[in-house]
Amino acid sequence: MKQEVRGNVQGIAGGRAEEWKTAEPAGEDQPEASRVPNADALASLSRFGTYIGLSSMPGDREALRRGARTLGAPDDVLADLDRLPEGVVFHTVSEIWAALGRGPGER
């Protein structure tokens, strides 16, 4: 029995798994599956989030801008922060990103 389950236990390709356990490919009318829905958007969000310090949150536009300046944010990130509505307190980078109109938020 040890030899029969070796492929499953060790993750060896071509193990003795039943055919019904293998994933089916997408149909002709179905889009290809992707692990990352939009890699460019995620990279932009990640770059933006690099300059939003956790010590600035929760914070309004001015607090976020001060924190970003301290972290050496480039001009385009500072310009984005200047576009945020005045008097609104943001708790997460996703909320800020959504307020800039670039993706869904948590609010």
PDB file of N, CA and C in Angstrom:
ATOM      1  N   MET A   1       0.830  -1.182   0.000  1.00  0.00           N
ATOM      2  CA  MET A   1       0.000   0.000   0.000  1.00  0.00           C
ATOM      3  C   MET A   1       0.885   1.261   0.000  1.00  0.00           C
ATOM      4  N   LYS A   2       2.045   1.201   0.661  1.00  0.00           N
ATOM      5  CA  LYS A   2       2.956   2.334   0.702  1.00  0.00           C
ATOM      6  C   LYS A   2       3.335   2.767  -0.705  1.00  0.00           C
ATOM      7  N   GLN A   3       3.589   1.846  -1.589  1.00  0.00           N
ATOM      8  CA  GLN A   3       3.964   2.152  -2.956  1.00  0.00           C
ATOM      9  C   GLN A   3       2.799   2.742  -3.743  1.00  0.00           C
ATOM     10  N   GLU A   4       1.571   2.352  -3.397  1.00  0.00           N
ATOM     11  CA  GLU A   4       0.411   2.842  -4.137  1.00  0.00           C
ATOM     12  C   GLU A   4       0.127   4.313  -3.876  1.00  0.00           C
ATOM     13  N   VAL A   5       0.422   4.793  -2.684  1.00  0.00           N
ATOM     14  CA  VAL A   5       0.116   6.193  -2.349  1.00  0.00           C
ATOM     15  C   VAL A   5       1.353   7.081  -2.397  1.00  0.00           C
ATOM     16  N   ARG A   6       2.481   6.533  -2.793  1.00  0.00           N
ATOM     17  CA  ARG A   6       3.731   7.300  -2.828  1.00  0.00           C
ATOM     18  C   ARG A   6       3.599   8.569  -3.663  1.00  0.00           C
ATOM     19  N   GLY A   7       3.001   8.496  -4.838  1.00  0.00           N
ATOM     20  CA  GLY A   7       2.838   9.649  -5.709  1.00  0.00           C
ATOM     21  C   GLY A   7       2.018  10.753  -5.057  1.00  0.00           C
ATOM     22  N   ASN A   8       0.972  10.362  -4.337  1.00  0.00           N
ATOM     23  CA  ASN A   8       0.138  11.360  -3.662  1.00  0.00           C
ATOM     24  C   ASN A   8       0.856  11.984  -2.479  1.00  0.00           C
ATOM     25  N   VAL A   9       1.562  11.206  -1.714  1.00  0.00           N
ATOM     26  CA  VAL A   9       2.226  11.690  -0.518  1.00  0.00           C
ATOM     27  C   VAL A   9       3.402  12.596  -0.870  1.00  0.00           C
ATOM     28  N   GLN A  10       4.187  12.217  -1.848  1.00  0.00           N
ATOM     29  CA  GLN A  10       5.382  12.961  -2.205  1.00  0.00           C
ATOM     30  C   GLN A  10       5.139  13.993  -3.303  1.00  0.00           C
ATOM     31  N   GLY A  11       3.941  14.057  -3.860  1.00  0.00           N
ATOM     32  CA  GLY A  11       3.632  15.030  -4.890  1.00  0.00           C
ATOM     33  C   GLY A  11       4.337  14.779  -6.205  1.00  0.00           C
ATOM     34  N   ILE A  12       4.598  13.537  -6.494  1.00  0.00           N
ATOM     35  CA  ILE A  12       5.276  13.187  -7.743  1.00  0.00           C
ATOM     36  C   ILE A  12       4.264  13.246  -8.880  1.00  0.00           C
ATOM     37  N   ALA A  13       4.651  13.949  -9.953  1.00  0.00           N
ATOM     38  CA  ALA A  13       3.768  14.035 -11.118  1.00  0.00           C
ATOM     39  C   ALA A  13       3.512  12.635 -11.662  1.00  0.00           C
ATOM     40  N   GLY A  14       2.301  12.421 -12.094  1.00  0.00           N
ATOM     41  CA  GLY A  14       1.964  11.116 -12.655  1.00  0.00           C
ATOM     42  C   GLY A  14       1.697  10.079 -11.584  1.00  0.00           C
ATOM     43  N   GLY A  15       1.358  10.553 -10.388  1.00  0.00           N
ATOM     44  CA  GLY A  15       1.012   9.615  -9.322  1.00  0.00           C
ATOM     45  C   GLY A  15      -0.230   8.828  -9.709  1.00  0.00           C
ATOM     46  N   ARG A  16      -0.649   7.992  -8.840  1.00  0.00           N
ATOM     47  CA  ARG A  16      -1.760   7.114  -9.170  1.00  0.00           C
ATOM     48  C   ARG A  16      -3.096   7.730  -8.774  1.00  0.00           C
ATOM     49  N   ALA A  17      -3.262   9.026  -9.005  1.00  0.00           N
ATOM     50  CA  ALA A  17      -4.529   9.685  -8.691  1.00  0.00           C
ATOM     51  C   ALA A  17      -5.585   9.274  -9.709  1.00  0.00           C
ATOM     52  N   GLU A  18      -6.806   9.204  -9.237  1.00  0.00           N
ATOM     53  CA  GLU A  18      -7.903   8.865 -10.134  1.00  0.00           C
ATOM     54  C   GLU A  18      -8.108  10.004 -11.129  1.00  0.00           C
ATOM     55  N   GLU A  19      -8.586   9.664 -12.313  1.00  0.00           N
ATOM     56  CA  GLU A  19      -8.763  10.663 -13.362  1.00  0.00           C
ATOM     57  C   GLU A  19      -9.730  11.759 -12.947  1.00  0.00           C
ATOM     58  N   TRP A  20     -10.753  11.431 -12.160  1.00  0.00           N
ATOM     59  CA  TRP A  20     -11.748  12.430 -11.773  1.00  0.00           C
ATOM     60  C   TRP A  20     -11.193  13.465 -10.798  1.00  0.00           C
ATOM     61  N   LYS A  21     -10.004  13.223 -10.235  1.00  0.00           N
ATOM     62  CA  LYS A  21      -9.403  14.184  -9.309  1.00  0.00           C
ATOM     63  C   LYS A  21      -8.597  15.258 -10.023  1.00  0.00           C
ATOM     64  N   THR A  22      -8.294  15.088 -11.286  1.00  0.00           N
ATOM     65  CA  THR A  22      -7.500  16.077 -12.001  1.00  0.00           C
ATOM     66  C   THR A  22      -8.405  17.207 -12.489  1.00  0.00           C
ATOM     67  N   ALA A  23      -7.879  18.415 -12.505  1.00  0.00           N
ATOM     68  CA  ALA A  23      -8.654  19.571 -12.926  1.00  0.00           C
ATOM     69  C   ALA A  23      -8.895  19.539 -14.433  1.00  0.00           C
ATOM     70  N   GLU A  24     -10.086  19.977 -14.822  1.00  0.00           N
ATOM     71  CA  GLU A  24     -10.402  20.043 -16.237  1.00  0.00           C
ATOM     72  C   GLU A  24      -9.944  21.374 -16.801  1.00  0.00           C
ATOM     73  N   PRO A  25      -9.491  21.395 -18.042  1.00  0.00           N
ATOM     74  CA  PRO A  25      -9.111  22.672 -18.655  1.00  0.00           C
ATOM     75  C   PRO A  25     -10.358  23.515 -18.928  1.00  0.00           C
ATOM     76  N   ALA A  26     -10.152  24.809 -19.100  1.00  0.00           N
ATOM     77  CA  ALA A  26     -11.264  25.708 -19.412  1.00  0.00           C
ATOM     78  C   ALA A  26     -11.844  25.333 -20.768  1.00  0.00           C
ATOM     79  N   GLY A  27     -13.149  25.507 -20.922  1.00  0.00           N
ATOM     80  CA  GLY A  27     -13.801  25.217 -22.192  1.00  0.00           C
ATOM     81  C   GLY A  27     -13.448  26.264 -23.239  1.00  0.00           C
ATOM     82  N   GLU A  28     -13.826  26.011 -24.467  1.00  0.00           N
ATOM     83  CA  GLU A  28     -13.498  26.921 -25.556  1.00  0.00           C
ATOM     84  C   GLU A  28     -14.125  28.291 -25.357  1.00  0.00           C
ATOM     85  N   ASP A  29     -15.312  28.334 -24.755  1.00  0.00           N
ATOM     86  CA  ASP A  29     -16.006  29.606 -24.571  1.00  0.00           C
ATOM     87  C   ASP A  29     -15.694  30.259 -23.223  1.00  0.00           C
ATOM     88  N   GLN A  30     -14.767  29.687 -22.459  1.00  0.00           N
ATOM     89  CA  GLN A  30     -14.420  30.202 -21.142  1.00  0.00           C
ATOM     90  C   GLN A  30     -13.070  30.922 -21.186  1.00  0.00           C
ATOM     91  N   PRO A  31     -12.930  31.982 -20.403  1.00  0.00           N
ATOM     92  CA  PRO A  31     -11.631  32.666 -20.369  1.00  0.00           C
ATOM     93  C   PRO A  31     -10.593  31.798 -19.663  1.00  0.00           C
ATOM     94  N   GLU A  32      -9.348  32.044 -19.980  1.00  0.00           N
ATOM     95  CA  GLU A  32      -8.265  31.321 -19.334  1.00  0.00           C
ATOM     96  C   GLU A  32      -8.184  31.733 -17.866  1.00  0.00           C
ATOM     97  N   ALA A  33      -7.927  30.792 -17.016  1.00  0.00           N
ATOM     98  CA  ALA A  33      -7.781  31.077 -15.596  1.00  0.00           C
ATOM     99  C   ALA A  33      -6.462  31.786 -15.352  1.00  0.00           C
ATOM    100  N   SER A  34      -6.483  32.726 -14.429  1.00  0.00           N
ATOM    101  CA  SER A  34      -5.279  33.474 -14.111  1.00  0.00           C
ATOM    102  C   SER A  34      -5.185  33.619 -12.607  1.00  0.00           C
ATOM    103  N   ARG A  35      -4.000  33.471 -12.066  1.00  0.00           N
ATOM    104  CA  ARG A  35      -3.816  33.625 -10.630  1.00  0.00           C
ATOM    105  C   ARG A  35      -3.843  35.092 -10.226  1.00  0.00           C
ATOM    106  N   VAL A  36      -3.400  35.967 -11.107  1.00  0.00           N
ATOM    107  CA  VAL A  36      -3.375  37.394 -10.820  1.00  0.00           C
ATOM    108  C   VAL A  36      -4.306  38.077 -11.816  1.00  0.00           C
ATOM    109  N   PRO A  37      -5.451  38.633 -11.344  1.00  0.00           N
ATOM    110  CA  PRO A  37      -6.416  39.195 -12.264  1.00  0.00           C
ATOM    111  C   PRO A  37      -5.872  40.347 -13.110  1.00  0.00           C
ATOM    112  N   ASN A  38      -5.136  41.248 -12.516  1.00  0.00           N
ATOM    113  CA  ASN A  38      -4.582  42.372 -13.265  1.00  0.00           C
ATOM    114  C   ASN A  38      -3.261  42.748 -12.615  1.00  0.00           C
ATOM    115  N   ALA A  39      -2.201  42.171 -13.123  1.00  0.00           N
ATOM    116  CA  ALA A  39      -0.890  42.343 -12.504  1.00  0.00           C
ATOM    117  C   ALA A  39      -0.439  43.797 -12.506  1.00  0.00           C
ATOM    118  N   ASP A  40      -0.765  44.547 -13.555  1.00  0.00           N
ATOM    119  CA  ASP A  40      -0.352  45.954 -13.614  1.00  0.00           C
ATOM    120  C   ASP A  40      -1.025  46.782 -12.531  1.00  0.00           C
ATOM    121  N   ALA A  41      -2.315  46.549 -12.335  1.00  0.00           N
ATOM    122  CA  ALA A  41      -3.045  47.293 -11.305  1.00  0.00           C
ATOM    123  C   ALA A  41      -2.514  46.946  -9.915  1.00  0.00           C
ATOM    124  N   LEU A  42      -2.216  45.687  -9.701  1.00  0.00           N
ATOM    125  CA  LEU A  42      -1.683  45.289  -8.395  1.00  0.00           C
ATOM    126  C   LEU A  42      -0.298  45.869  -8.156  1.00  0.00           C
ATOM    127  N   ALA A  43       0.508  45.943  -9.199  1.00  0.00           N
ATOM    128  CA  ALA A  43       1.842  46.535  -9.068  1.00  0.00           C
ATOM    129  C   ALA A  43       1.738  48.023  -8.760  1.00  0.00           C
ATOM    130  N   SER A  44       0.792  48.710  -9.392  1.00  0.00           N
ATOM    131  CA  SER A  44       0.594  50.140  -9.125  1.00  0.00           C
ATOM    132  C   SER A  44       0.129  50.369  -7.699  1.00  0.00           C
ATOM    133  N   LEU A  45      -0.804  49.542  -7.243  1.00  0.00           N
ATOM    134  CA  LEU A  45      -1.291  49.659  -5.868  1.00  0.00           C
ATOM    135  C   LEU A  45      -0.170  49.381  -4.876  1.00  0.00           C
ATOM    136  N   SER A  46       0.638  48.379  -5.151  1.00  0.00           N
ATOM    137  CA  SER A  46       1.747  48.035  -4.272  1.00  0.00           C
ATOM    138  C   SER A  46       2.759  49.171  -4.193  1.00  0.00           C
ATOM    139  N   ARG A  47       3.082  49.753  -5.346  1.00  0.00           N
ATOM    140  CA  ARG A  47       4.021  50.876  -5.371  1.00  0.00           C
ATOM    141  C   ARG A  47       3.459  52.052  -4.582  1.00  0.00           C
ATOM    142  N   PHE A  48       2.186  52.353  -4.782  1.00  0.00           N
ATOM    143  CA  PHE A  48       1.539  53.451  -4.073  1.00  0.00           C
ATOM    144  C   PHE A  48       1.556  53.190  -2.564  1.00  0.00           C
ATOM    145  N   GLY A  49       1.204  51.967  -2.163  1.00  0.00           N
ATOM    146  CA  GLY A  49       1.139  51.612  -0.756  1.00  0.00           C
ATOM    147  C   GLY A  49       2.480  51.660  -0.047  1.00  0.00           C
ATOM    148  N   THR A  50       3.560  51.547  -0.816  1.00  0.00           N
ATOM    149  CA  THR A  50       4.901  51.626  -0.239  1.00  0.00           C
ATOM    150  C   THR A  50       5.128  52.962   0.455  1.00  0.00           C
ATOM    151  N   TYR A  51       4.483  54.001  -0.052  1.00  0.00           N
ATOM    152  CA  TYR A  51       4.711  55.351   0.473  1.00  0.00           C
ATOM    153  C   TYR A  51       3.633  55.807   1.454  1.00  0.00           C
ATOM    154  N   ILE A  52       2.714  54.910   1.808  1.00  0.00           N
ATOM    155  CA  ILE A  52       1.700  55.239   2.797  1.00  0.00           C
ATOM    156  C   ILE A  52       2.104  54.559   4.097  1.00  0.00           C
ATOM    157  N   GLY A  53       2.626  55.337   5.023  1.00  0.00           N
ATOM    158  CA  GLY A  53       3.099  54.768   6.281  1.00  0.00           C
ATOM    159  C   GLY A  53       1.964  54.354   7.198  1.00  0.00           C
ATOM    160  N   LEU A  54       2.141  53.259   7.888  1.00  0.00           N
ATOM    161  CA  LEU A  54       1.131  52.799   8.835  1.00  0.00           C
ATOM    162  C   LEU A  54       0.921  53.806   9.964  1.00  0.00           C
ATOM    163  N   SER A  55       1.955  54.574  10.274  1.00  0.00           N
ATOM    164  CA  SER A  55       1.816  55.571  11.333  1.00  0.00           C
ATOM    165  C   SER A  55       0.931  56.734  10.892  1.00  0.00           C
ATOM    166  N   SER A  56       0.668  56.844   9.603  1.00  0.00           N
ATOM    167  CA  SER A  56      -0.193  57.909   9.079  1.00  0.00           C
ATOM    168  C   SER A  56      -1.664  57.537   9.105  1.00  0.00           C
ATOM    169  N   MET A  57      -1.957  56.282   9.376  1.00  0.00           N
ATOM    170  CA  MET A  57      -3.345  55.827   9.349  1.00  0.00           C
ATOM    171  C   MET A  57      -3.812  55.421  10.732  1.00  0.00           C
ATOM    172  N   PRO A  58      -5.069  55.666  11.030  1.00  0.00           N
ATOM    173  CA  PRO A  58      -6.006  56.383  10.186  1.00  0.00           C
ATOM    174  C   PRO A  58      -5.611  57.853  10.087  1.00  0.00           C
ATOM    175  N   GLY A  59      -5.850  58.405   8.907  1.00  0.00           N
ATOM    176  CA  GLY A  59      -5.474  59.793   8.705  1.00  0.00           C
ATOM    177  C   GLY A  59      -6.185  60.430   7.544  1.00  0.00           C
ATOM    178  N   ASP A  60      -6.205  61.740   7.556  1.00  0.00           N
ATOM    179  CA  ASP A  60      -6.801  62.494   6.462  1.00  0.00           C
ATOM    180  C   ASP A  60      -5.739  62.791   5.400  1.00  0.00           C
ATOM    181  N   ARG A  61      -6.122  63.574   4.421  1.00  0.00           N
ATOM    182  CA  ARG A  61      -5.238  63.883   3.300  1.00  0.00           C
ATOM    183  C   ARG A  61      -3.910  64.476   3.751  1.00  0.00           C
ATOM    184  N   GLU A  62      -3.964  65.415   4.688  1.00  0.00           N
ATOM    185  CA  GLU A  62      -2.734  66.081   5.139  1.00  0.00           C
ATOM    186  C   GLU A  62      -1.799  65.120   5.878  1.00  0.00           C
ATOM    187  N   ALA A  63      -2.354  64.297   6.745  1.00  0.00           N
ATOM    188  CA  ALA A  63      -1.535  63.335   7.495  1.00  0.00           C
ATOM    189  C   ALA A  63      -0.892  62.324   6.548  1.00  0.00           C
ATOM    190  N   LEU A  64      -1.660  61.869   5.568  1.00  0.00           N
ATOM    191  CA  LEU A  64      -1.123  60.910   4.604  1.00  0.00           C
ATOM    192  C   LEU A  64      -0.016  61.536   3.762  1.00  0.00           C
ATOM    193  N   ARG A  65      -0.207  62.794   3.382  1.00  0.00           N
ATOM    194  CA  ARG A  65       0.802  63.488   2.580  1.00  0.00           C
ATOM    195  C   ARG A  65       2.086  63.702   3.384  1.00  0.00           C
ATOM    196  N   ARG A  66       1.959  64.088   4.649  1.00  0.00           N
ATOM    197  CA  ARG A  66       3.148  64.260   5.498  1.00  0.00           C
ATOM    198  C   ARG A  66       3.919  62.955   5.627  1.00  0.00           C
ATOM    199  N   GLY A  67       3.194  61.876   5.877  1.00  0.00           N
ATOM    200  CA  GLY A  67       3.839  60.567   6.000  1.00  0.00           C
ATOM    201  C   GLY A  67       4.510  60.127   4.715  1.00  0.00           C
ATOM    202  N   ALA A  68       3.854  60.371   3.586  1.00  0.00           N
ATOM    203  CA  ALA A  68       4.429  59.988   2.297  1.00  0.00           C
ATOM    204  C   ALA A  68       5.683  60.802   2.001  1.00  0.00           C
ATOM    205  N   ARG A  69       5.657  62.078   2.343  1.00  0.00           N
ATOM    206  CA  ARG A  69       6.832  62.926   2.127  1.00  0.00           C
ATOM    207  C   ARG A  69       7.998  62.420   2.975  1.00  0.00           C
ATOM    208  N   THR A  70       7.710  62.009   4.197  1.00  0.00           N
ATOM    209  CA  THR A  70       8.742  61.465   5.087  1.00  0.00           C
ATOM    210  C   THR A  70       9.360  60.193   4.501  1.00  0.00           C
ATOM    211  N   LEU A  71       8.542  59.393   3.830  1.00  0.00           N
ATOM    212  CA  LEU A  71       9.024  58.144   3.237  1.00  0.00           C
ATOM    213  C   LEU A  71       9.643  58.352   1.860  1.00  0.00           C
ATOM    214  N   GLY A  72       9.751  59.601   1.417  1.00  0.00           N
ATOM    215  CA  GLY A  72      10.404  59.893   0.138  1.00  0.00           C
ATOM    216  C   GLY A  72       9.552  59.600  -1.073  1.00  0.00           C
ATOM    217  N   ALA A  73       8.256  59.828  -0.967  1.00  0.00           N
ATOM    218  CA  ALA A  73       7.351  59.547  -2.078  1.00  0.00           C
ATOM    219  C   ALA A  73       7.669  60.419  -3.283  1.00  0.00           C
ATOM    220  N   PRO A  74       7.547  59.849  -4.483  1.00  0.00           N
ATOM    221  CA  PRO A  74       7.769  60.641  -5.696  1.00  0.00           C
ATOM    222  C   PRO A  74       6.610  61.612  -5.930  1.00  0.00           C
ATOM    223  N   ASP A  75       6.811  62.530  -6.847  1.00  0.00           N
ATOM    224  CA  ASP A  75       5.823  63.581  -7.106  1.00  0.00           C
ATOM    225  C   ASP A  75       4.461  63.039  -7.525  1.00  0.00           C
ATOM    226  N   ASP A  76       4.422  61.957  -8.301  1.00  0.00           N
ATOM    227  CA  ASP A  76       3.124  61.441  -8.747  1.00  0.00           C
ATOM    228  C   ASP A  76       2.295  60.898  -7.584  1.00  0.00           C
ATOM    229  N   VAL A  77       2.941  60.299  -6.591  1.00  0.00           N
ATOM    230  CA  VAL A  77       2.217  59.802  -5.419  1.00  0.00           C
ATOM    231  C   VAL A  77       1.705  60.980  -4.592  1.00  0.00           C
ATOM    232  N   LEU A  78       2.530  61.992  -4.415  1.00  0.00           N
ATOM    233  CA  LEU A  78       2.095  63.178  -3.669  1.00  0.00           C
ATOM    234  C   LEU A  78       0.941  63.878  -4.390  1.00  0.00           C
ATOM    235  N   ALA A  79       0.991  63.927  -5.711  1.00  0.00           N
ATOM    236  CA  ALA A  79      -0.096  64.531  -6.480  1.00  0.00           C
ATOM    237  C   ALA A  79      -1.389  63.740  -6.303  1.00  0.00           C
ATOM    238  N   ASP A  80      -1.279  62.413  -6.265  1.00  0.00           N
ATOM    239  CA  ASP A  80      -2.463  61.583  -6.018  1.00  0.00           C
ATOM    240  C   ASP A  80      -3.053  61.879  -4.647  1.00  0.00           C
ATOM    241  N   LEU A  81      -2.196  62.010  -3.650  1.00  0.00           N
ATOM    242  CA  LEU A  81      -2.686  62.303  -2.307  1.00  0.00           C
ATOM    243  C   LEU A  81      -3.347  63.679  -2.247  1.00  0.00           C
ATOM    244  N   ASP A  82      -2.868  64.629  -3.034  1.00  0.00           N
ATOM    245  CA  ASP A  82      -3.480  65.956  -3.092  1.00  0.00           C
ATOM    246  C   ASP A  82      -4.887  65.910  -3.686  1.00  0.00           C
ATOM    247  N   ARG A  83      -5.176  64.882  -4.478  1.00  0.00           N
ATOM    248  CA  ARG A  83      -6.500  64.735  -5.084  1.00  0.00           C
ATOM    249  C   ARG A  83      -7.540  64.155  -4.141  1.00  0.00           C
ATOM    250  N   LEU A  84      -7.121  63.658  -2.987  1.00  0.00           N
ATOM    251  CA  LEU A  84      -8.069  63.060  -2.039  1.00  0.00           C
ATOM    252  C   LEU A  84      -9.003  64.133  -1.495  1.00  0.00           C
ATOM    253  N   PRO A  85     -10.232  63.737  -1.157  1.00  0.00           N
ATOM    254  CA  PRO A  85     -11.170  64.704  -0.595  1.00  0.00           C
ATOM    255  C   PRO A  85     -10.708  65.194   0.774  1.00  0.00           C
ATOM    256  N   GLU A  86     -10.967  66.440   1.042  1.00  0.00           N
ATOM    257  CA  GLU A  86     -10.554  67.052   2.300  1.00  0.00           C
ATOM    258  C   GLU A  86     -11.513  66.629   3.418  1.00  0.00           C
ATOM    259  N   GLY A  87     -10.965  66.387   4.600  1.00  0.00           N
ATOM    260  CA  GLY A  87     -11.774  66.065   5.768  1.00  0.00           C
ATOM    261  C   GLY A  87     -12.200  64.615   5.891  1.00  0.00           C
ATOM    262  N   VAL A  88     -11.785  63.761   4.978  1.00  0.00           N
ATOM    263  CA  VAL A  88     -12.127  62.336   5.035  1.00  0.00           C
ATOM    264  C   VAL A  88     -10.966  61.592   5.665  1.00  0.00           C
ATOM    265  N   VAL A  89     -11.282  60.727   6.636  1.00  0.00           N
ATOM    266  CA  VAL A  89     -10.256  59.925   7.308  1.00  0.00           C
ATOM    267  C   VAL A  89     -10.212  58.550   6.646  1.00  0.00           C
ATOM    268  N   PHE A  90      -9.023  58.137   6.245  1.00  0.00           N
ATOM    269  CA  PHE A  90      -8.822  56.847   5.591  1.00  0.00           C
ATOM    270  C   PHE A  90      -8.146  55.885   6.558  1.00  0.00           C
ATOM    271  N   HIS A  91      -8.605  54.630   6.525  1.00  0.00           N
ATOM    272  CA  HIS A  91      -8.080  53.615   7.438  1.00  0.00           C
ATOM    273  C   HIS A  91      -7.163  52.610   6.766  1.00  0.00           C
ATOM    274  N   THR A  92      -7.305  52.443   5.453  1.00  0.00           N
ATOM    275  CA  THR A  92      -6.489  51.466   4.735  1.00  0.00           C
ATOM    276  C   THR A  92      -6.026  52.055   3.399  1.00  0.00           C
ATOM    277  N   VAL A  93      -4.996  51.454   2.845  1.00  0.00           N
ATOM    278  CA  VAL A  93      -4.514  51.866   1.529  1.00  0.00           C
ATOM    279  C   VAL A  93      -5.583  51.589   0.479  1.00  0.00           C
ATOM    280  N   SER A  94      -6.343  50.517   0.652  1.00  0.00           N
ATOM    281  CA  SER A  94      -7.413  50.196  -0.301  1.00  0.00           C
ATOM    282  C   SER A  94      -8.473  51.285  -0.332  1.00  0.00           C
ATOM    283  N   GLU A  95      -8.786  51.864   0.811  1.00  0.00           N
ATOM    284  CA  GLU A  95      -9.748  52.963   0.854  1.00  0.00           C
ATOM    285  C   GLU A  95      -9.214  54.175   0.090  1.00  0.00           C
ATOM    286  N   ILE A  96      -7.941  54.456   0.265  1.00  0.00           N
ATOM    287  CA  ILE A  96      -7.326  55.579  -0.440  1.00  0.00           C
ATOM    288  C   ILE A  96      -7.355  55.319  -1.936  1.00  0.00           C
ATOM    289  N   TRP A  97      -6.991  54.102  -2.343  1.00  0.00           N
ATOM    290  CA  TRP A  97      -6.948  53.718  -3.750  1.00  0.00           C
ATOM    291  C   TRP A  97      -8.338  53.856  -4.371  1.00  0.00           C
ATOM    292  N   ALA A  98      -9.369  53.443  -3.634  1.00  0.00           N
ATOM    293  CA  ALA A  98     -10.743  53.551  -4.140  1.00  0.00           C
ATOM    294  C   ALA A  98     -11.167  55.011  -4.257  1.00  0.00           C
ATOM    295  N   ALA A  99     -10.753  55.847  -3.303  1.00  0.00           N
ATOM    296  CA  ALA A  99     -11.091  57.271  -3.359  1.00  0.00           C
ATOM    297  C   ALA A  99     -10.449  57.943  -4.564  1.00  0.00           C
ATOM    298  N   LEU A 100      -9.350  57.395  -5.030  1.00  0.00           N
ATOM    299  CA  LEU A 100      -8.695  57.924  -6.222  1.00  0.00           C
ATOM    300  C   LEU A 100      -9.328  57.387  -7.509  1.00  0.00           C
ATOM    301  N   GLY A 101     -10.335  56.499  -7.339  1.00  0.00           N
ATOM    302  CA  GLY A 101     -11.041  55.946  -8.481  1.00  0.00           C
ATOM    303  C   GLY A 101     -10.307  54.851  -9.212  1.00  0.00           C
ATOM    304  N   ARG A 102      -9.453  54.137  -8.499  1.00  0.00           N
ATOM    305  CA  ARG A 102      -8.640  53.115  -9.161  1.00  0.00           C
ATOM    306  C   ARG A 102      -8.996  51.683  -8.798  1.00  0.00           C
ATOM    307  N   GLY A 103      -9.963  51.491  -7.934  1.00  0.00           N
ATOM    308  CA  GLY A 103     -10.317  50.131  -7.592  1.00  0.00           C
ATOM    309  C   GLY A 103     -11.363  50.106  -6.506  1.00  0.00           C
ATOM    310  N   PRO A 104     -11.882  48.921  -6.213  1.00  0.00           N
ATOM    311  CA  PRO A 104     -12.898  48.807  -5.167  1.00  0.00           C
ATOM    312  C   PRO A 104     -12.297  49.084  -3.796  1.00  0.00           C
ATOM    313  N   GLY A 105     -13.075  49.653  -2.941  1.00  0.00           N
ATOM    314  CA  GLY A 105     -12.610  49.974  -1.600  1.00  0.00           C
ATOM    315  C   GLY A 105     -13.309  49.148  -0.554  1.00  0.00           C
ATOM    316  N   GLU A 106     -12.967  49.386   0.672  1.00  0.00           N
ATOM    317  CA  GLU A 106     -13.548  48.640   1.787  1.00  0.00           C
ATOM    318  C   GLU A 106     -14.586  49.470   2.527  1.00  0.00           C
ATOM    319  N   ARG A 107     -14.856  50.656   2.055  1.00  0.00           N
ATOM    320  CA  ARG A 107     -15.770  51.546   2.768  1.00  0.00           C
ATOM    321  C   ARG A 107     -17.188  51.159   2.536  1.00  0.00           C
TER     322      ARG A 107
END
